[in-house]
Protein backbone atom coordinates (compact mmCIF):
# COMPACT_ATOMS: atom_id res chain seq x y z
CA MET A 1 0.00 0.00 0.00
CA TYR A 2 1.20 3.48 -0.86
CA THR A 3 0.48 4.94 2.56
CA GLN A 4 2.35 2.10 4.28
CA ALA A 5 5.45 2.97 2.29
CA ASN A 6 4.76 6.68 2.79
CA PRO A 7 3.38 7.05 6.34
CA ASN A 8 3.52 10.84 6.07
CA ILE A 9 0.85 10.78 3.36
CA LYS A 10 -2.88 10.83 4.14
CA ILE A 11 -5.29 10.13 1.27
CA GLU A 12 -8.93 11.22 1.42
CA VAL A 13 -11.26 9.99 -1.34
CA GLU A 14 -14.52 11.56 -2.48
CA ALA A 15 -16.59 9.17 -4.62
CA LEU A 16 -19.48 10.34 -6.81
CA ASP A 17 -21.22 9.04 -9.91
CA ASP A 18 -20.18 10.65 -13.18
CA GLU A 19 -22.89 13.28 -13.55
CA ALA A 20 -22.77 14.37 -9.90
CA TYR A 21 -19.00 14.49 -10.12
CA LYS A 22 -19.03 16.77 -13.16
CA THR A 23 -21.31 19.19 -11.31
CA LYS A 24 -19.05 19.09 -8.24
CA PHE A 25 -15.97 19.55 -10.43
CA LYS A 26 -17.39 22.79 -11.82
CA ALA A 27 -18.09 24.01 -8.29
CA TYR A 28 -14.54 23.18 -7.21
CA ALA A 29 -13.11 24.96 -10.23
CA ALA A 30 -15.26 28.05 -9.73
CA GLY A 31 -14.34 28.21 -6.06
CA ASN A 32 -10.65 27.68 -6.75
CA THR A 33 -10.64 24.79 -4.26
CA MET A 34 -9.71 21.85 -6.49
CA PRO A 35 -8.69 18.51 -4.90
CA ASP A 36 -5.06 17.52 -5.46
CA LEU A 37 -5.83 14.54 -7.70
CA VAL A 38 -8.89 14.68 -9.95
CA ASN A 39 -10.78 12.35 -12.23
CA CYS A 40 -10.99 13.74 -15.77
CA TRP A 41 -12.05 12.65 -19.23
CA GLY A 42 -9.40 12.97 -21.92
CA GLN A 43 -11.87 14.26 -24.49
CA PRO A 44 -12.28 17.77 -25.92
CA SER A 45 -15.72 18.28 -24.34
CA PHE A 46 -14.20 18.01 -20.87
CA ILE A 47 -10.47 18.44 -20.79
CA ASN A 48 -9.72 21.19 -23.32
CA GLU A 49 -11.42 23.94 -21.34
CA VAL A 50 -9.90 22.61 -18.11
CA ILE A 51 -6.41 22.76 -19.61
CA ASP A 52 -7.03 26.19 -21.12
CA ALA A 53 -8.14 27.45 -17.71
CA GLY A 54 -4.76 26.40 -16.30
CA LEU A 55 -6.30 23.96 -13.80
CA LEU A 56 -4.06 20.97 -14.48
CA ALA A 57 -0.38 20.44 -13.75
CA GLU A 58 1.96 19.48 -16.56
CA LEU A 59 3.39 15.96 -16.36
CA ASN A 60 6.74 14.68 -17.64
CA PRO A 61 6.14 12.20 -20.52
CA ALA A 62 9.54 10.60 -19.86
CA ASP A 63 8.19 9.31 -16.53
CA TYR A 64 5.85 6.97 -18.41
CA GLU A 65 8.06 5.55 -21.14
CA THR A 66 8.08 2.14 -19.43
CA TYR A 67 4.43 2.19 -18.33
CA GLY A 68 3.15 0.47 -21.46
CA PHE A 69 0.50 2.98 -22.47
CA MET A 70 -1.10 1.88 -25.73
CA LYS A 71 -0.46 3.88 -28.87
CA GLY A 72 -2.64 6.99 -28.94
CA SER A 73 -4.06 6.47 -25.45
CA LEU A 74 -2.52 9.68 -24.11
CA ASP A 75 -3.38 11.83 -27.13
CA GLY A 76 -6.52 13.16 -25.47
CA TRP A 77 -4.51 14.19 -22.43
CA SER A 78 -1.97 16.16 -24.45
CA ARG A 79 -2.18 19.73 -25.69
CA ASN A 80 0.42 21.69 -27.64
CA GLY A 81 3.01 19.00 -27.00
CA LYS A 82 2.43 18.91 -23.25
CA LEU A 83 0.94 16.10 -21.15
CA TYR A 84 -1.68 16.85 -18.48
CA GLY A 85 -3.07 13.50 -17.37
CA LEU A 86 -3.05 9.73 -17.72
CA ALA A 87 -5.75 7.61 -19.37
CA ARG A 88 -7.35 4.97 -17.19
CA ASN A 89 -9.48 2.87 -19.55
CA THR A 90 -9.77 1.45 -23.02
CA ASP A 91 -13.51 1.38 -23.68
CA ILE A 92 -15.47 -0.66 -26.24
CA ILE A 93 -19.22 -0.32 -26.64
CA CYS A 94 -21.21 -3.54 -26.92
CA PHE A 95 -24.50 -5.33 -26.40
CA TYR A 96 -24.48 -7.48 -23.27
CA TYR A 97 -26.80 -10.48 -23.39
CA ASN A 98 -27.69 -13.63 -21.47
CA GLU A 99 -26.59 -16.61 -23.55
CA LYS A 100 -28.91 -19.06 -21.78
CA LEU A 101 -31.92 -16.80 -22.32
CA PHE A 102 -31.05 -16.63 -26.01
CA LYS A 103 -30.65 -20.41 -26.32
CA ASP A 104 -33.83 -21.16 -24.37
CA ASN A 105 -35.82 -18.98 -26.76
CA GLY A 106 -34.06 -19.96 -29.98
CA TRP A 107 -32.57 -16.48 -30.51
CA SER A 108 -29.28 -16.01 -32.34
CA VAL A 109 -26.71 -13.24 -32.08
CA PRO A 110 -27.51 -10.93 -35.02
CA ALA A 111 -25.09 -10.85 -37.94
CA THR A 112 -26.59 -7.71 -39.52
CA TYR A 113 -28.48 -4.69 -38.28
CA ASP A 114 -31.65 -5.95 -39.95
CA ASP A 115 -31.17 -9.15 -37.94
CA LEU A 116 -30.96 -7.05 -34.77
CA LEU A 117 -34.29 -5.37 -35.51
CA THR A 118 -35.88 -8.73 -36.33
CA LEU A 119 -34.48 -10.14 -33.08
CA GLY A 120 -35.91 -7.18 -31.19
CA ALA A 121 -39.39 -7.95 -32.50
CA ALA A 122 -39.04 -11.63 -31.54
CA ILE A 123 -37.92 -10.69 -28.03
CA ARG A 124 -40.84 -8.30 -27.58
CA ASP A 125 -43.22 -11.05 -28.67
CA LYS A 126 -41.90 -13.19 -25.79
CA GLY A 127 -42.66 -10.42 -23.30
CA PHE A 128 -39.10 -9.18 -22.75
CA ILE A 129 -37.58 -5.76 -23.35
CA PRO A 130 -35.16 -6.21 -26.27
CA VAL A 131 -32.49 -3.65 -25.27
CA ALA A 132 -32.27 -1.76 -21.98
CA MET A 133 -31.21 1.79 -22.85
CA ASP A 134 -30.04 4.59 -20.55
CA GLY A 135 -31.64 7.41 -22.54
CA GLY A 136 -32.04 9.77 -19.61
CA ASP A 137 -28.31 10.46 -19.39
CA LYS A 138 -28.31 11.00 -23.19
CA TRP A 139 -24.65 10.10 -23.77
CA PRO A 140 -25.41 6.38 -24.39
CA LEU A 141 -27.68 7.48 -27.27
CA ALA A 142 -24.85 9.63 -28.62
CA ILE A 143 -22.54 6.62 -28.46
CA TYR A 144 -25.16 4.50 -30.24
CA LEU A 145 -25.30 7.08 -33.05
CA THR A 146 -21.49 7.08 -33.25
CA ASP A 147 -21.57 3.28 -33.44
CA LEU A 148 -24.02 3.44 -36.36
CA ILE A 149 -21.85 5.99 -38.15
CA ALA A 150 -18.82 3.72 -37.73
CA LYS A 151 -20.72 0.83 -39.30
CA LEU A 152 -21.88 3.00 -42.19
CA ASN A 153 -18.53 4.68 -42.78
CA GLY A 154 -15.89 2.12 -41.81
CA PRO A 155 -12.33 3.33 -41.14
CA ASN A 156 -11.58 7.02 -40.48
CA THR A 157 -14.86 7.63 -38.69
CA ASN A 158 -13.09 9.99 -36.28
CA ALA A 159 -11.94 12.16 -39.19
CA LEU A 160 -15.47 12.21 -40.61
CA LEU A 161 -16.92 13.38 -37.28
CA ILE A 162 -14.25 16.02 -36.71
CA ASN A 163 -14.87 17.37 -40.21
CA ALA A 164 -18.61 17.57 -39.49
CA ILE A 165 -18.04 19.48 -36.27
CA GLU A 166 -15.44 21.84 -37.72
CA THR A 167 -16.96 22.28 -41.19
CA ASP A 168 -20.47 21.02 -41.99
CA TRP A 169 -22.90 18.13 -41.61
CA SER A 170 -23.59 17.57 -45.29
CA ASN A 171 -22.14 14.04 -45.45
CA PRO A 172 -25.14 11.83 -46.33
CA LEU A 173 -23.92 9.11 -43.97
CA LEU A 174 -24.75 11.37 -41.03
CA LEU A 175 -28.35 11.77 -42.17
CA LYS A 176 -28.55 8.03 -42.82
CA ALA A 177 -27.30 7.21 -39.32
CA ALA A 178 -29.77 9.67 -37.78
CA ALA A 179 -32.64 8.02 -39.67
CA ILE A 180 -31.55 4.54 -38.55
CA LEU A 181 -31.39 5.62 -34.91
CA GLN A 182 -34.86 7.13 -35.08
CA ASP A 183 -36.30 4.09 -36.88
CA THR A 184 -34.64 1.79 -34.34
CA ALA A 185 -36.20 3.60 -31.38
CA LYS A 186 -39.55 3.71 -33.24
CA SER A 187 -39.41 -0.07 -33.69
CA GLY A 188 -39.67 -0.53 -29.93
CA ILE A 189 -36.28 -2.12 -29.45
CA PHE A 190 -35.69 0.05 -26.36
CA GLN A 191 -37.95 -0.02 -23.31
CA ASN A 192 -40.95 2.31 -23.04
CA GLY A 193 -39.84 5.64 -21.60
CA PHE A 194 -36.17 4.91 -22.31
CA GLU A 195 -35.57 8.64 -22.65
CA ASN A 196 -36.23 9.05 -18.92
CA ALA A 197 -34.36 5.97 -17.67
CA ASP A 198 -31.02 6.50 -15.93
CA TYR A 199 -28.00 4.21 -15.91
CA GLY A 200 -29.02 2.20 -12.86
CA THR A 201 -32.57 1.68 -14.06
CA ALA A 202 -31.48 0.40 -17.47
CA MET A 203 -28.85 -1.87 -15.95
CA ASN A 204 -31.33 -3.30 -13.44
CA MET A 205 -33.74 -4.15 -16.27
CA PHE A 206 -31.04 -6.34 -17.76
CA THR A 207 -29.59 -7.90 -14.61
CA SER A 208 -33.07 -8.72 -13.26
CA GLY A 209 -34.05 -10.50 -16.48
CA GLN A 210 -36.59 -7.96 -17.73
CA ALA A 211 -34.42 -7.07 -20.72
CA ALA A 212 -32.62 -9.51 -23.01
CA MET A 213 -29.80 -7.07 -23.84
CA PHE A 214 -28.05 -4.02 -22.38
CA TYR A 215 -26.17 -1.51 -24.55
CA MET A 216 -23.17 -0.30 -22.56
CA GLY A 217 -19.37 -0.17 -22.46
CA SER A 218 -16.75 -2.77 -21.62
CA TRP A 219 -16.35 -1.17 -18.20
CA GLU A 220 -19.39 -3.26 -17.17
CA MET A 221 -17.59 -6.57 -17.83
CA SER A 222 -17.41 -6.89 -14.06
CA MET A 223 -21.06 -7.96 -14.03
CA ALA A 224 -19.66 -11.47 -14.57
CA ASN A 225 -18.11 -11.34 -11.08
CA ASN A 226 -20.78 -9.40 -9.23
CA MET A 227 -22.08 -11.65 -6.46
CA ASP A 228 -25.28 -9.59 -6.27
CA TYR A 229 -26.35 -11.37 -9.45
CA SER A 230 -27.30 -15.03 -9.77
CA GLN A 231 -24.74 -17.66 -10.68
CA GLU A 232 -26.75 -18.45 -13.81
CA PHE A 233 -26.63 -14.82 -14.92
CA ARG A 234 -22.90 -14.52 -14.27
CA ASP A 235 -22.10 -17.79 -16.05
CA ASN A 236 -24.11 -16.80 -19.12
CA LEU A 237 -23.08 -13.18 -19.57
CA ARG A 238 -21.83 -12.57 -23.11
CA VAL A 239 -21.37 -9.64 -25.51
CA PHE A 240 -21.57 -8.83 -29.19
CA LEU A 241 -20.71 -5.70 -31.12
CA MET A 242 -22.93 -3.49 -33.26
CA PRO A 243 -23.83 -5.65 -36.29
CA VAL A 244 -22.89 -4.57 -39.80
CA ILE A 245 -25.38 -2.47 -41.75
CA ASN A 246 -26.19 -3.94 -45.16
CA GLU A 247 -25.71 -0.69 -47.05
CA GLY A 248 -22.72 0.40 -44.95
CA ALA A 249 -19.00 0.31 -45.72
CA GLY A 250 -18.09 -0.69 -42.17
CA ARG A 251 -17.10 -4.25 -41.35
CA SER A 252 -17.73 -6.16 -38.17
CA THR A 253 -14.14 -5.32 -37.24
CA ASP A 254 -14.64 -1.54 -37.52
CA ILE A 255 -15.55 -0.96 -33.91
CA CYS A 256 -16.69 1.84 -31.64
CA ALA A 257 -13.92 2.19 -29.06
CA TRP A 258 -12.01 5.00 -27.37
CA ASN A 259 -9.97 5.96 -24.30
CA GLY A 260 -12.22 7.40 -21.65
CA GLY A 261 -11.53 8.56 -18.13
CA GLY A 262 -8.31 9.05 -16.26
CA TYR A 263 -6.57 11.15 -13.64
CA ALA A 264 -4.74 14.46 -13.48
CA VAL A 265 -3.01 16.58 -10.84
CA THR A 266 -4.31 20.08 -10.20
CA ALA A 267 -1.95 22.94 -10.94
CA LYS A 268 -2.48 24.79 -7.67
CA SER A 269 -2.16 21.77 -5.40
CA GLU A 270 -0.11 22.65 -2.35
CA VAL A 271 1.37 19.15 -2.49
CA ARG A 272 1.76 18.91 -6.24
CA GLU A 273 4.97 16.89 -6.32
CA GLU A 274 3.71 14.38 -3.77
CA THR A 275 0.46 14.04 -5.73
CA ILE A 276 2.38 13.35 -8.95
CA LYS A 277 4.29 10.63 -7.08
CA LEU A 278 0.96 9.09 -6.04
CA LEU A 279 -0.37 9.30 -9.61
CA ASN A 280 2.78 7.62 -10.92
CA TYR A 281 2.47 4.88 -8.31
CA MET A 282 -1.16 4.22 -9.25
CA PHE A 283 -0.26 3.80 -12.90
CA ARG A 284 2.76 1.56 -12.51
CA PRO A 285 2.01 -1.42 -14.77
CA GLU A 286 1.78 -3.80 -11.84
CA ASN A 287 -0.85 -1.68 -10.07
CA TRP A 288 -3.96 -0.29 -11.83
CA ASN A 289 -3.11 -2.04 -15.09
CA ARG A 290 -2.73 -5.49 -13.52
CA LEU A 291 -5.43 -5.27 -10.87
CA THR A 292 -8.24 -4.07 -13.14
CA TRP A 293 -7.66 -6.96 -15.53
CA GLU A 294 -7.20 -9.65 -12.90
CA LYS A 295 -10.28 -8.43 -11.01
CA ASN A 296 -12.29 -8.20 -14.26
CA ILE A 297 -13.09 -4.52 -13.74
CA CYS A 298 -12.17 -3.03 -17.12
CA MET A 299 -9.42 -2.85 -19.71
CA SER A 300 -6.75 -0.34 -18.84
CA ALA A 301 -5.13 1.98 -21.38
CA GLN A 302 -1.86 0.13 -20.79
CA ASN A 303 -0.54 -3.18 -22.10
CA PHE A 304 -2.06 -5.77 -19.79
CA SER A 305 -1.24 -8.82 -21.95
CA VAL A 306 1.46 -10.01 -19.54
CA TYR A 307 -1.19 -10.26 -16.82
CA GLN A 308 -3.53 -12.61 -18.67
CA THR A 309 -4.03 -15.69 -16.54
CA GLY A 310 -6.01 -18.02 -18.80
CA ASN A 311 -8.85 -17.84 -16.28
CA GLU A 312 -10.53 -14.81 -17.85
CA THR A 313 -14.32 -14.74 -18.03
CA PRO A 314 -15.99 -15.41 -21.40
CA VAL A 315 -16.76 -11.70 -21.70
CA GLN A 316 -13.12 -10.76 -21.12
CA LYS A 317 -12.05 -13.24 -23.79
CA GLN A 318 -14.63 -11.94 -26.24
CA ILE A 319 -13.63 -8.31 -25.75
CA LEU A 320 -9.94 -9.18 -26.05
CA GLN A 321 -10.66 -10.90 -29.36
CA TYR A 322 -12.65 -7.93 -30.63
CA MET A 323 -9.71 -5.67 -29.86
CA ALA A 324 -7.24 -8.05 -31.50
CA ASP A 325 -9.36 -8.30 -34.66
CA ALA A 326 -10.20 -4.60 -34.93
CA THR A 327 -9.40 -3.06 -38.32
CA SER A 328 -10.35 0.42 -37.12
CA ILE A 329 -11.72 2.14 -34.02
CA SER A 330 -14.03 5.14 -33.94
CA GLY A 331 -12.04 7.11 -31.38
CA THR A 332 -13.72 9.72 -29.18
CA THR A 333 -17.48 9.60 -29.62
CA LEU A 334 -19.47 12.27 -31.45
CA ASN A 335 -20.79 14.10 -28.38
CA ASP A 336 -17.35 14.50 -26.83
CA LEU A 337 -15.49 15.84 -29.87
CA GLY A 338 -16.51 19.47 -29.37
CA LEU A 339 -16.45 21.77 -26.39
CA ALA A 340 -18.82 21.55 -23.44
CA GLU A 341 -21.59 23.57 -25.07
CA PHE A 342 -21.51 21.28 -28.12
CA LYS A 343 -21.71 18.22 -25.89
CA THR A 344 -24.82 19.50 -24.11
CA ARG A 345 -26.57 20.62 -27.28
CA SER A 346 -25.71 17.55 -29.35
CA GLU A 347 -26.87 15.14 -26.63
CA ASP A 348 -30.15 17.03 -26.30
CA LEU A 349 -30.71 16.83 -30.05
CA ILE A 350 -29.84 13.13 -30.23
CA GLN A 351 -32.36 12.40 -27.48
CA GLN A 352 -34.99 14.47 -29.31
CA LEU A 353 -34.20 12.59 -32.51
CA SER A 354 -34.62 9.26 -30.73
CA ILE A 355 -38.10 10.09 -29.42
CA GLN A 356 -39.19 11.58 -32.76
CA SER A 357 -39.47 15.15 -31.47
CA ILE A 358 -37.43 16.21 -34.51
CA THR A 359 -36.90 14.63 -37.92
CA PRO A 360 -33.51 13.35 -39.08
CA SER A 361 -33.28 16.29 -41.50
CA SER A 362 -34.05 18.78 -38.73
CA PHE A 363 -31.46 17.06 -36.51
CA ILE A 364 -28.78 17.53 -39.17
CA ARG A 365 -29.72 21.17 -39.74
CA GLN A 366 -29.56 21.95 -36.03
CA MET A 367 -26.27 20.09 -35.59
CA ASP A 368 -24.88 22.09 -38.49
């Protein structure tokens, strides 16, 4: 333990869910009372304004040359050639499902998007919710739209999205993806009132057996070890990726994945150097990197291959294979590629699109 080796150090932790944390973070920043070590997201919508405001301490890249960070994983934490934080996760979006439930009902993992919609209808006919969706927090819907764009576009999806945000939204693939999302929600594949459901509600629908699938990131792979769930559920937890779209250029191996959260040291910390030492300790390969994989919590942004035991859960093995086979990754999702105002506005519009409050054409015009 770090404090055992450093008895002069006292560590106090404040734990909040993501949305509450972001609100508290703004209050800390406004009051100039930032904690020494902060959770951040290495995406333009969050970190760019934080860096520009001078809130984060600069780190020495040479300190991490032997830490095994994957190629590109620290790009979101860098600005003008300087490093301001360390990425914690490698995130892949997927559909979680119960393999036994599928087998018992004769359902198959969909190979195409049309298959997914057909499956959704079959699941509804059996009295289950096809896909539990956290639409109240909005960002899962934005990720879903990004996933669709990746399957329509294929490689270089990140460049397409950046061009849309910086230039215009005239690419017809964007309109096509918006129409597919709206048609998908209209088909009833998500639960009634999905636009008001929060993360916990959607997840509970899946873990309690009300929903056959749950659309969420690889950070929930730990469901396979959660003793709050039945042994049958844990043994049968599986995942699949967004299926290919018949008219799309994307392959099954063009996946929606990115580097998400991480940690940074605040610039005005009175114990800045000690906090950097703690950060560096946390991210030593044998610490966060090893423990998160061995405990089946998530995939770190570092090379964890040396810590594979052969006893990984089926979900871990599936996700590893998806990463190994990937021909392209989407990178930062659509909603997080602009500044904070863009994030808020785009997520609002995507939710409105999903519940048919606006048409796909109106969505594109307003995004533009």
